[in-house]
Amino acid sequence: LLVFRDAPLSKALNQVVESGCLIVELAYTSGYAVFDEYEAFSTQSAKK
């Protein structure tokens, strides 16, 4: 998902579908993706 830069997850996943791909690699790389360390890896976030 780094290919979509800082796009919201819903938009990024819609673009994955548009690209024709079916499998996603979620991306959390400091310096390349913006995310909150504790919120991003919470159970609530995973379920969503």
All heavy atoms as atom14 arrays in JSON, in Angstrom:
{
  "sequence": "LLVFRDAPLSKALNQVVESGCLIVELAYTSGYAVFDEYEAFSTQSAKK",
  "atom14_mask": [
    [1, 1, 1, 1, 1, 1, 1, 1, 0, 0, 0, 0, 0, 0],
    [1, 1, 1, 1, 1, 1, 1, 1, 0, 0, 0, 0, 0, 0],
    [1, 1, 1, 1, 1, 1, 1, 0, 0, 0, 0, 0, 0, 0],
    [1, 1, 1, 1, 1, 1, 1, 1, 1, 1, 1, 0, 0, 0],
    [1, 1, 1, 1, 1, 1, 1, 1, 1, 1, 1, 0, 0, 0],
    [1, 1, 1, 1, 1, 1, 1, 1, 0, 0, 0, 0, 0, 0],
    [1, 1, 1, 1, 1, 0, 0, 0, 0, 0, 0, 0, 0, 0],
    [1, 1, 1, 1, 1, 1, 1, 0, 0, 0, 0, 0, 0, 0],
    [1, 1, 1, 1, 1, 1, 1, 1, 0, 0, 0, 0, 0, 0],
    [1, 1, 1, 1, 1, 1, 0, 0, 0, 0, 0, 0, 0, 0],
    [1, 1, 1, 1, 1, 1, 1, 1, 1, 0, 0, 0, 0, 0],
    [1, 1, 1, 1, 1, 0, 0, 0, 0, 0, 0, 0, 0, 0],
    [1, 1, 1, 1, 1, 1, 1, 1, 0, 0, 0, 0, 0, 0],
    [1, 1, 1, 1, 1, 1, 1, 1, 0, 0, 0, 0, 0, 0],
    [1, 1, 1, 1, 1, 1, 1, 1, 1, 0, 0, 0, 0, 0],
    [1, 1, 1, 1, 1, 1, 1, 0, 0, 0, 0, 0, 0, 0],
    [1, 1, 1, 1, 1, 1, 1, 0, 0, 0, 0, 0, 0, 0],
    [1, 1, 1, 1, 1, 1, 1, 1, 1, 0, 0, 0, 0, 0],
    [1, 1, 1, 1, 1, 1, 0, 0, 0, 0, 0, 0, 0, 0],
    [1, 1, 1, 1, 0, 0, 0, 0, 0, 0, 0, 0, 0, 0],
    [1, 1, 1, 1, 1, 1, 0, 0, 0, 0, 0, 0, 0, 0],
    [1, 1, 1, 1, 1, 1, 1, 1, 0, 0, 0, 0, 0, 0],
    [1, 1, 1, 1, 1, 1, 1, 1, 0, 0, 0, 0, 0, 0],
    [1, 1, 1, 1, 1, 1, 1, 0, 0, 0, 0, 0, 0, 0],
    [1, 1, 1, 1, 1, 1, 1, 1, 1, 0, 0, 0, 0, 0],
    [1, 1, 1, 1, 1, 1, 1, 1, 0, 0, 0, 0, 0, 0],
    [1, 1, 1, 1, 1, 0, 0, 0, 0, 0, 0, 0, 0, 0],
    [1, 1, 1, 1, 1, 1, 1, 1, 1, 1, 1, 1, 0, 0],
    [1, 1, 1, 1, 1, 1, 1, 0, 0, 0, 0, 0, 0, 0],
    [1, 1, 1, 1, 1, 1, 0, 0, 0, 0, 0, 0, 0, 0],
    [1, 1, 1, 1, 0, 0, 0, 0, 0, 0, 0, 0, 0, 0],
    [1, 1, 1, 1, 1, 1, 1, 1, 1, 1, 1, 1, 0, 0],
    [1, 1, 1, 1, 1, 0, 0, 0, 0, 0, 0, 0, 0, 0],
    [1, 1, 1, 1, 1, 1, 1, 0, 0, 0, 0, 0, 0, 0],
    [1, 1, 1, 1, 1, 1, 1, 1, 1, 1, 1, 0, 0, 0],
    [1, 1, 1, 1, 1, 1, 1, 1, 0, 0, 0, 0, 0, 0],
    [1, 1, 1, 1, 1, 1, 1, 1, 1, 0, 0, 0, 0, 0],
    [1, 1, 1, 1, 1, 1, 1, 1, 1, 1, 1, 1, 0, 0],
    [1, 1, 1, 1, 1, 1, 1, 1, 1, 0, 0, 0, 0, 0],
    [1, 1, 1, 1, 1, 0, 0, 0, 0, 0, 0, 0, 0, 0],
    [1, 1, 1, 1, 1, 1, 1, 1, 1, 1, 1, 0, 0, 0],
    [1, 1, 1, 1, 1, 1, 0, 0, 0, 0, 0, 0, 0, 0],
    [1, 1, 1, 1, 1, 1, 1, 0, 0, 0, 0, 0, 0, 0],
    [1, 1, 1, 1, 1, 1, 1, 1, 1, 0, 0, 0, 0, 0],
    [1, 1, 1, 1, 1, 1, 0, 0, 0, 0, 0, 0, 0, 0],
    [1, 1, 1, 1, 1, 0, 0, 0, 0, 0, 0, 0, 0, 0],
    [1, 1, 1, 1, 1, 1, 1, 1, 1, 0, 0, 0, 0, 0],
    [1, 1, 1, 1, 1, 1, 1, 1, 1, 0, 0, 0, 0, 0]
  ],
  "atom14_positions": [
    [[0.8, -1.23, 0.0], [0.0, 0.0, 0.0], [0.83, 1.28, 0.0], [0.27, 2.37, -0.17], [-0.95, 0.01, 1.2], [-2.08, -1.02, 1.19], [-3.04, -0.76, 2.34], [-2.82, -1.04, -0.13], [0.0, 0.0, 0.0], [0.0, 0.0, 0.0], [0.0, 0.0, 0.0], [0.0, 0.0, 0.0], [0.0, 0.0, 0.0], [0.0, 0.0, 0.0]],
    [[2.16, 1.18, 0.14], [2.99, 2.38, 0.08], [2.86, 3.11, -1.26], [3.12, 4.31, -1.35], [4.46, 2.04, 0.32], [4.95, 1.95, 1.75], [6.45, 1.68, 1.78], [4.66, 3.22, 2.53], [0.0, 0.0, 0.0], [0.0, 0.0, 0.0], [0.0, 0.0, 0.0], [0.0, 0.0, 0.0], [0.0, 0.0, 0.0], [0.0, 0.0, 0.0]],
    [[2.45, 2.38, -2.29], [2.31, 2.99, -3.62], [1.28, 4.11, -3.61], [1.35, 5.04, -4.41], [1.95, 1.92, -4.67], [0.55, 1.37, -4.45], [2.1, 2.47, -6.08], [0.0, 0.0, 0.0], [0.0, 0.0, 0.0], [0.0, 0.0, 0.0], [0.0, 0.0, 0.0], [0.0, 0.0, 0.0], [0.0, 0.0, 0.0], [0.0, 0.0, 0.0]],
    [[0.35, 4.06, -2.65], [-0.7, 5.07, -2.58], [-0.37, 6.2, -1.62], [-1.24, 6.99, -1.24], [-2.03, 4.42, -2.2], [-2.45, 3.33, -3.16], [-2.62, 2.03, -2.72], [-2.64, 3.62, -4.51], [-3.0, 1.03, -3.61], [-3.01, 2.62, -5.4], [-3.19, 1.33, -4.94], [0.0, 0.0, 0.0], [0.0, 0.0, 0.0], [0.0, 0.0, 0.0]],
    [[0.88, 6.27, -1.2], [1.38, 7.33, -0.35], [0.57, 7.43, 0.93], [0.42, 6.44, 1.63], [1.4, 8.65, -1.13], [2.43, 9.65, -0.61], [2.52, 10.88, -1.49], [3.45, 11.83, -0.96], [3.71, 12.99, -1.51], [3.09, 13.35, -2.64], [4.59, 13.81, -0.97], [0.0, 0.0, 0.0], [0.0, 0.0, 0.0], [0.0, 0.0, 0.0]],
    [[0.01, 8.58, 1.26], [-0.72, 8.77, 2.52], [-2.23, 8.76, 2.31], [-2.98, 9.34, 3.11], [-0.3, 10.1, 3.17], [1.17, 10.13, 3.53], [1.71, 9.06, 3.87], [1.78, 11.2, 3.45], [0.0, 0.0, 0.0], [0.0, 0.0, 0.0], [0.0, 0.0, 0.0], [0.0, 0.0, 0.0], [0.0, 0.0, 0.0], [0.0, 0.0, 0.0]],
    [[-2.7, 8.11, 1.27], [-4.14, 8.05, 1.0], [-4.86, 7.35, 2.15], [-4.33, 6.4, 2.74], [-4.4, 7.31, -0.31], [0.0, 0.0, 0.0], [0.0, 0.0, 0.0], [0.0, 0.0, 0.0], [0.0, 0.0, 0.0], [0.0, 0.0, 0.0], [0.0, 0.0, 0.0], [0.0, 0.0, 0.0], [0.0, 0.0, 0.0], [0.0, 0.0, 0.0]],
    [[-6.07, 7.78, 2.49], [-6.86, 7.07, 3.51], [-7.04, 5.61, 3.1], [-7.07, 5.28, 1.91], [-8.21, 7.81, 3.49], [-7.9, 9.15, 2.91], [-6.78, 8.95, 1.94], [0.0, 0.0, 0.0], [0.0, 0.0, 0.0], [0.0, 0.0, 0.0], [0.0, 0.0, 0.0], [0.0, 0.0, 0.0], [0.0, 0.0, 0.0], [0.0, 0.0, 0.0]],
    [[-7.17, 4.73, 4.08], [-7.24, 3.3, 3.81], [-8.36, 2.96, 2.84], [-8.17, 2.15, 1.92], [-7.42, 2.52, 5.11], [-7.5, 1.0, 4.94], [-6.18, 0.43, 4.46], [-7.92, 0.33, 6.25], [0.0, 0.0, 0.0], [0.0, 0.0, 0.0], [0.0, 0.0, 0.0], [0.0, 0.0, 0.0], [0.0, 0.0, 0.0], [0.0, 0.0, 0.0]],
    [[-9.53, 3.55, 3.02], [-10.66, 3.22, 2.15], [-10.35, 3.54, 0.69], [-10.64, 2.75, -0.21], [-11.92, 3.97, 2.59], [-11.7, 5.38, 2.57], [0.0, 0.0, 0.0], [0.0, 0.0, 0.0], [0.0, 0.0, 0.0], [0.0, 0.0, 0.0], [0.0, 0.0, 0.0], [0.0, 0.0, 0.0], [0.0, 0.0, 0.0], [0.0, 0.0, 0.0]],
    [[-9.72, 4.69, 0.45], [-9.35, 5.07, -0.91], [-8.27, 4.12, -1.46], [-8.36, 3.67, -2.61], [-8.84, 6.5, -0.97], [-8.4, 6.93, -2.37], [-7.87, 8.36, -2.4], [-7.4, 8.72, -3.82], [-6.86, 10.1, -3.89], [0.0, 0.0, 0.0], [0.0, 0.0, 0.0], [0.0, 0.0, 0.0], [0.0, 0.0, 0.0], [0.0, 0.0, 0.0]],
    [[-7.27, 3.82, -0.63], [-6.19, 2.93, -1.07], [-6.74, 1.56, -1.45], [-6.36, 0.99, -2.49], [-5.14, 2.81, 0.02], [0.0, 0.0, 0.0], [0.0, 0.0, 0.0], [0.0, 0.0, 0.0], [0.0, 0.0, 0.0], [0.0, 0.0, 0.0], [0.0, 0.0, 0.0], [0.0, 0.0, 0.0], [0.0, 0.0, 0.0], [0.0, 0.0, 0.0]],
    [[-7.64, 1.02, -0.65], [-8.19, -0.3, -0.95], [-9.06, -0.27, -2.19], [-9.07, -1.24, -2.97], [-8.97, -0.83, 0.25], [-8.15, -1.13, 1.52], [-9.04, -1.71, 2.61], [-6.99, -2.07, 1.23], [0.0, 0.0, 0.0], [0.0, 0.0, 0.0], [0.0, 0.0, 0.0], [0.0, 0.0, 0.0], [0.0, 0.0, 0.0], [0.0, 0.0, 0.0]],
    [[-9.78, 0.82, -2.4], [-10.56, 0.95, -3.64], [-9.64, 0.97, -4.86], [-9.96, 0.41, -5.91], [-11.4, 2.23, -3.61], [-12.58, 2.12, -2.65], [-12.99, 1.02, -2.27], [-13.11, 3.25, -2.23], [0.0, 0.0, 0.0], [0.0, 0.0, 0.0], [0.0, 0.0, 0.0], [0.0, 0.0, 0.0], [0.0, 0.0, 0.0], [0.0, 0.0, 0.0]],
    [[-8.47, 1.59, -4.7], [-7.5, 1.63, -5.81], [-6.84, 0.28, -6.03], [-6.47, -0.06, -7.16], [-6.47, 2.73, -5.54], [-7.05, 4.13, -5.68], [-6.02, 5.21, -5.39], [-5.35, 5.2, -4.36], [-5.9, 6.15, -6.31], [0.0, 0.0, 0.0], [0.0, 0.0, 0.0], [0.0, 0.0, 0.0], [0.0, 0.0, 0.0], [0.0, 0.0, 0.0]],
    [[-6.68, -0.5, -4.96], [-6.2, -1.87, -5.13], [-7.17, -2.64, -6.02], [-6.76, -3.33, -6.96], [-6.07, -2.59, -3.76], [-5.73, -4.06, -3.97], [-4.99, -1.93, -2.9], [0.0, 0.0, 0.0], [0.0, 0.0, 0.0], [0.0, 0.0, 0.0], [0.0, 0.0, 0.0], [0.0, 0.0, 0.0], [0.0, 0.0, 0.0], [0.0, 0.0, 0.0]],
    [[-8.44, -2.52, -5.73], [-9.47, -3.19, -6.53], [-9.41, -2.7, -7.98], [-9.46, -3.5, -8.93], [-10.87, -2.94, -5.94], [-11.95, -3.5, -6.87], [-10.99, -3.56, -4.55], [0.0, 0.0, 0.0], [0.0, 0.0, 0.0], [0.0, 0.0, 0.0], [0.0, 0.0, 0.0], [0.0, 0.0, 0.0], [0.0, 0.0, 0.0], [0.0, 0.0, 0.0]],
    [[-9.27, -1.38, -8.16], [-9.2, -0.81, -9.51], [-7.99, -1.34, -10.27], [-8.05, -1.51, -11.5], [-9.15, 0.72, -9.42], [-9.22, 1.41, -10.77], [-9.17, 2.93, -10.65], [-9.27, 3.45, -9.52], [-9.02, 3.6, -11.7], [0.0, 0.0, 0.0], [0.0, 0.0, 0.0], [0.0, 0.0, 0.0], [0.0, 0.0, 0.0], [0.0, 0.0, 0.0]],
    [[-6.91, -1.59, -9.57], [-5.69, -2.07, -10.21], [-5.78, -3.54, -10.62], [-4.94, -4.03, -11.36], [-4.49, -1.88, -9.28], [-4.52, -2.82, -8.21], [0.0, 0.0, 0.0], [0.0, 0.0, 0.0], [0.0, 0.0, 0.0], [0.0, 0.0, 0.0], [0.0, 0.0, 0.0], [0.0, 0.0, 0.0], [0.0, 0.0, 0.0], [0.0, 0.0, 0.0]],
    [[-6.76, -4.23, -10.09], [-6.95, -5.64, -10.42], [-6.28, -6.61, -9.47], [-6.34, -7.82, -9.67], [0.0, 0.0, 0.0], [0.0, 0.0, 0.0], [0.0, 0.0, 0.0], [0.0, 0.0, 0.0], [0.0, 0.0, 0.0], [0.0, 0.0, 0.0], [0.0, 0.0, 0.0], [0.0, 0.0, 0.0], [0.0, 0.0, 0.0], [0.0, 0.0, 0.0]],
    [[-5.64, -6.09, -8.42], [-4.98, -6.96, -7.44], [-5.99, -7.46, -6.41], [-6.99, -6.8, -6.14], [-3.84, -6.22, -6.75], [-2.49, -5.73, -7.86], [0.0, 0.0, 0.0], [0.0, 0.0, 0.0], [0.0, 0.0, 0.0], [0.0, 0.0, 0.0], [0.0, 0.0, 0.0], [0.0, 0.0, 0.0], [0.0, 0.0, 0.0], [0.0, 0.0, 0.0]],
    [[-5.7, -8.62, -5.83], [-6.6, -9.22, -4.85], [-5.96, -9.36, -3.47], [-6.66, -9.57, -2.49], [-7.03, -10.61, -5.33], [-7.84, -10.67, -6.63], [-8.08, -12.12, -7.03], [-9.16, -9.92, -6.47], [0.0, 0.0, 0.0], [0.0, 0.0, 0.0], [0.0, 0.0, 0.0], [0.0, 0.0, 0.0], [0.0, 0.0, 0.0], [0.0, 0.0, 0.0]],
    [[-4.63, -9.26, -3.41], [-3.91, -9.46, -2.15], [-3.2, -8.17, -1.77], [-2.55, -7.53, -2.6], [-2.88, -10.6, -2.28], [-3.56, -11.88, -2.79], [-2.22, -10.87, -0.93], [-2.58, -13.0, -3.09], [0.0, 0.0, 0.0], [0.0, 0.0, 0.0], [0.0, 0.0, 0.0], [0.0, 0.0, 0.0], [0.0, 0.0, 0.0], [0.0, 0.0, 0.0]],
    [[-3.34, -7.8, -0.5], [-2.8, -6.53, 0.0], [-1.64, -6.79, 0.95], [-1.7, -7.7, 1.78], [-3.91, -5.74, 0.74], [-3.33, -4.52, 1.46], [-5.01, -5.32, -0.23], [0.0, 0.0, 0.0], [0.0, 0.0, 0.0], [0.0, 0.0, 0.0], [0.0, 0.0, 0.0], [0.0, 0.0, 0.0], [0.0, 0.0, 0.0], [0.0, 0.0, 0.0]],
    [[-0.6, -5.97, 0.81], [0.45, -5.94, 1.83], [0.31, -4.61, 2.56], [0.6, -3.54, 2.01], [1.84, -6.05, 1.2], [2.95, -6.07, 2.25], [4.3, -6.42, 1.66], [4.58, -7.63, 1.52], [5.05, -5.48, 1.31], [0.0, 0.0, 0.0], [0.0, 0.0, 0.0], [0.0, 0.0, 0.0], [0.0, 0.0, 0.0], [0.0, 0.0, 0.0]],
    [[-0.18, -4.67, 3.78], [-0.31, -3.47, 4.6], [1.08, -2.94, 4.91], [2.02, -3.71, 5.11], [-1.07, -3.79, 5.89], [-2.49, -4.33, 5.69], [-3.04, -4.88, 7.01], [-3.41, -3.25, 5.15], [0.0, 0.0, 0.0], [0.0, 0.0, 0.0], [0.0, 0.0, 0.0], [0.0, 0.0, 0.0], [0.0, 0.0, 0.0], [0.0, 0.0, 0.0]],
    [[1.22, -1.61, 4.93], [2.56, -1.02, 5.01], [2.66, 0.01, 6.14], [1.92, 0.99, 6.16], [2.91, -0.36, 3.67], [0.0, 0.0, 0.0], [0.0, 0.0, 0.0], [0.0, 0.0, 0.0], [0.0, 0.0, 0.0], [0.0, 0.0, 0.0], [0.0, 0.0, 0.0], [0.0, 0.0, 0.0], [0.0, 0.0, 0.0], [0.0, 0.0, 0.0]],
    [[3.58, -0.26, 7.04], [3.85, 0.64, 8.18], [5.37, 0.78, 8.32], [5.99, 0.11, 9.13], [3.25, 0.08, 9.46], [1.76, -0.16, 9.37], [1.27, -1.4, 8.93], [0.85, 0.82, 9.72], [-0.09, -1.62, 8.84], [-0.52, 0.61, 9.63], [-0.98, -0.62, 9.19], [-2.33, -0.84, 9.1], [0.0, 0.0, 0.0], [0.0, 0.0, 0.0]],
    [[5.94, 1.63, 7.49], [7.38, 1.83, 7.49], [7.68, 3.27, 7.89], [7.33, 4.2, 7.16], [7.99, 1.54, 6.1], [7.63, 0.2, 5.71], [9.5, 1.68, 6.13], [0.0, 0.0, 0.0], [0.0, 0.0, 0.0], [0.0, 0.0, 0.0], [0.0, 0.0, 0.0], [0.0, 0.0, 0.0], [0.0, 0.0, 0.0], [0.0, 0.0, 0.0]],
    [[8.29, 3.46, 9.03], [8.59, 4.8, 9.52], [9.41, 5.58, 8.49], [10.36, 5.06, 7.92], [9.37, 4.73, 10.84], [8.61, 4.08, 11.83], [0.0, 0.0, 0.0], [0.0, 0.0, 0.0], [0.0, 0.0, 0.0], [0.0, 0.0, 0.0], [0.0, 0.0, 0.0], [0.0, 0.0, 0.0], [0.0, 0.0, 0.0], [0.0, 0.0, 0.0]],
    [[9.0, 6.81, 8.24], [9.67, 7.65, 7.26], [9.02, 7.61, 5.9], [9.16, 8.54, 5.1], [0.0, 0.0, 0.0], [0.0, 0.0, 0.0], [0.0, 0.0, 0.0], [0.0, 0.0, 0.0], [0.0, 0.0, 0.0], [0.0, 0.0, 0.0], [0.0, 0.0, 0.0], [0.0, 0.0, 0.0], [0.0, 0.0, 0.0], [0.0, 0.0, 0.0]],
    [[8.25, 6.55, 5.62], [7.57, 6.42, 4.33], [6.06, 6.41, 4.49], [5.34, 6.73, 3.56], [8.03, 5.13, 3.62], [9.52, 5.04, 3.44], [10.24, 3.98, 3.95], [10.21, 6.04, 2.77], [11.62, 3.9, 3.8], [11.59, 5.98, 2.61], [12.29, 4.9, 3.12], [13.65, 4.83, 2.97], [0.0, 0.0, 0.0], [0.0, 0.0, 0.0]],
    [[5.57, 6.01, 5.64], [4.13, 6.0, 5.91], [3.88, 6.76, 7.21], [4.68, 6.7, 8.15], [3.63, 4.56, 6.02], [0.0, 0.0, 0.0], [0.0, 0.0, 0.0], [0.0, 0.0, 0.0], [0.0, 0.0, 0.0], [0.0, 0.0, 0.0], [0.0, 0.0, 0.0], [0.0, 0.0, 0.0], [0.0, 0.0, 0.0], [0.0, 0.0, 0.0]],
    [[2.76, 7.46, 7.26], [2.38, 8.24, 8.45], [1.39, 7.42, 9.26], [0.32, 7.05, 8.76], [1.77, 9.59, 8.05], [1.34, 10.36, 9.3], [2.76, 10.41, 7.23], [0.0, 0.0, 0.0], [0.0, 0.0, 0.0], [0.0, 0.0, 0.0], [0.0, 0.0, 0.0], [0.0, 0.0, 0.0], [0.0, 0.0, 0.0], [0.0, 0.0, 0.0]],
    [[1.72, 7.12, 10.5], [0.8, 6.37, 11.35], [1.16, 6.58, 12.81], [2.29, 6.92, 13.16], [0.83, 4.87, 11.01], [2.18, 4.22, 11.2], [2.51, 3.58, 12.39], [3.13, 4.24, 10.18], [3.76, 2.98, 12.56], [4.38, 3.65, 10.34], [4.69, 3.01, 11.54], [0.0, 0.0, 0.0], [0.0, 0.0, 0.0], [0.0, 0.0, 0.0]],
    [[0.16, 6.4, 13.66], [0.35, 6.46, 15.1], [0.69, 5.06, 15.59], [-0.06, 4.1, 15.37], [-0.92, 6.97, 15.79], [-0.77, 7.01, 17.3], [-1.03, 5.99, 17.95], [-0.37, 8.07, 17.83], [0.0, 0.0, 0.0], [0.0, 0.0, 0.0], [0.0, 0.0, 0.0], [0.0, 0.0, 0.0], [0.0, 0.0, 0.0], [0.0, 0.0, 0.0]],
    [[1.82, 4.92, 16.23], [2.36, 3.62, 16.63], [1.36, 2.78, 17.43], [1.23, 1.58, 17.19], [3.63, 3.84, 17.47], [4.3, 2.58, 17.92], [5.31, 2.04, 16.91], [5.61, 2.76, 15.95], [5.77, 0.91, 17.1], [0.0, 0.0, 0.0], [0.0, 0.0, 0.0], [0.0, 0.0, 0.0], [0.0, 0.0, 0.0], [0.0, 0.0, 0.0]],
    [[0.64, 3.39, 18.35], [-0.22, 2.63, 19.25], [-1.61, 2.42, 18.66], [-2.22, 1.36, 18.83], [-0.28, 3.32, 20.61], [1.08, 3.35, 21.28], [1.89, 4.47, 21.22], [1.57, 2.21, 21.92], [3.15, 4.48, 21.79], [2.83, 2.21, 22.5], [3.62, 3.35, 22.43], [4.86, 3.34, 22.99], [0.0, 0.0, 0.0], [0.0, 0.0, 0.0]],
    [[-2.12, 3.4, 17.97], [-3.43, 3.27, 17.35], [-3.41, 2.3, 16.18], [-4.32, 1.48, 15.99], [-3.93, 4.64, 16.88], [-5.3, 4.6, 16.23], [-5.74, 5.97, 15.76], [-5.19, 6.98, 16.26], [-6.63, 6.03, 14.9], [0.0, 0.0, 0.0], [0.0, 0.0, 0.0], [0.0, 0.0, 0.0], [0.0, 0.0, 0.0], [0.0, 0.0, 0.0]],
    [[-2.35, 2.37, 15.36], [-2.28, 1.57, 14.13], [-2.34, 0.08, 14.41], [-2.95, -0.68, 13.64], [-1.01, 1.91, 13.37], [0.0, 0.0, 0.0], [0.0, 0.0, 0.0], [0.0, 0.0, 0.0], [0.0, 0.0, 0.0], [0.0, 0.0, 0.0], [0.0, 0.0, 0.0], [0.0, 0.0, 0.0], [0.0, 0.0, 0.0], [0.0, 0.0, 0.0]],
    [[-1.71, -0.39, 15.49], [-1.6, -1.82, 15.74], [-2.55, -2.3, 16.84], [-2.34, -3.36, 17.43], [-0.15, -2.17, 16.08], [0.82, -1.78, 15.01], [1.83, -0.85, 15.26], [0.69, -2.29, 13.73], [2.71, -0.47, 14.26], [1.56, -1.91, 12.72], [2.58, -0.99, 12.98], [0.0, 0.0, 0.0], [0.0, 0.0, 0.0], [0.0, 0.0, 0.0]],
    [[-3.61, -1.55, 17.07], [-4.59, -1.93, 18.07], [-5.54, -3.0, 17.52], [-5.69, -3.16, 16.31], [-5.41, -0.71, 18.5], [-6.19, -0.24, 17.41], [0.0, 0.0, 0.0], [0.0, 0.0, 0.0], [0.0, 0.0, 0.0], [0.0, 0.0, 0.0], [0.0, 0.0, 0.0], [0.0, 0.0, 0.0], [0.0, 0.0, 0.0], [0.0, 0.0, 0.0]],
    [[-6.19, -3.72, 18.42], [-7.19, -4.71, 18.01], [-8.33, -4.06, 17.25], [-8.84, -4.61, 16.26], [-7.73, -5.45, 19.25], [-6.66, -6.17, 19.87], [-8.83, -6.43, 18.87], [0.0, 0.0, 0.0], [0.0, 0.0, 0.0], [0.0, 0.0, 0.0], [0.0, 0.0, 0.0], [0.0, 0.0, 0.0], [0.0, 0.0, 0.0], [0.0, 0.0, 0.0]],
    [[-8.74, -2.87, 17.7], [-9.82, -2.14, 17.03], [-9.44, -1.83, 15.58], [-10.25, -1.99, 14.66], [-10.13, -0.85, 17.78], [-11.27, -0.04, 17.19], [-11.54, 1.23, 17.97], [-10.83, 1.55, 18.94], [-12.55, 1.98, 17.58], [0.0, 0.0, 0.0], [0.0, 0.0, 0.0], [0.0, 0.0, 0.0], [0.0, 0.0, 0.0], [0.0, 0.0, 0.0]],
    [[-8.21, -1.37, 15.37], [-7.74, -1.06, 14.02], [-7.71, -2.32, 13.16], [-8.11, -2.31, 11.99], [-6.34, -0.44, 14.09], [-5.83, -0.21, 12.79], [0.0, 0.0, 0.0], [0.0, 0.0, 0.0], [0.0, 0.0, 0.0], [0.0, 0.0, 0.0], [0.0, 0.0, 0.0], [0.0, 0.0, 0.0], [0.0, 0.0, 0.0], [0.0, 0.0, 0.0]],
    [[-7.22, -3.43, 13.72], [-7.14, -4.69, 12.97], [-8.52, -5.15, 12.54], [-8.71, -5.59, 11.39], [-6.46, -5.75, 13.83], [0.0, 0.0, 0.0], [0.0, 0.0, 0.0], [0.0, 0.0, 0.0], [0.0, 0.0, 0.0], [0.0, 0.0, 0.0], [0.0, 0.0, 0.0], [0.0, 0.0, 0.0], [0.0, 0.0, 0.0], [0.0, 0.0, 0.0]],
    [[-9.5, -5.07, 13.43], [-10.86, -5.49, 13.09], [-11.44, -4.63, 11.97], [-12.11, -5.14, 11.06], [-11.75, -5.42, 14.33], [-11.46, -6.5, 15.36], [-12.39, -6.38, 16.57], [-12.14, -7.49, 17.58], [-13.01, -7.34, 18.77], [0.0, 0.0, 0.0], [0.0, 0.0, 0.0], [0.0, 0.0, 0.0], [0.0, 0.0, 0.0], [0.0, 0.0, 0.0]],
    [[-11.18, -3.33, 12.05], [-11.69, -2.41, 11.03], [-11.07, -2.72, 9.66], [-11.76, -2.74, 8.64], [-11.37, -0.97, 11.43], [-11.86, 0.07, 10.43], [-11.5, 1.48, 10.91], [-11.94, 2.52, 9.87], [-11.58, 3.9, 10.31], [0.0, 0.0, 0.0], [0.0, 0.0, 0.0], [0.0, 0.0, 0.0], [0.0, 0.0, 0.0], [0.0, 0.0, 0.0]]
  ]
}
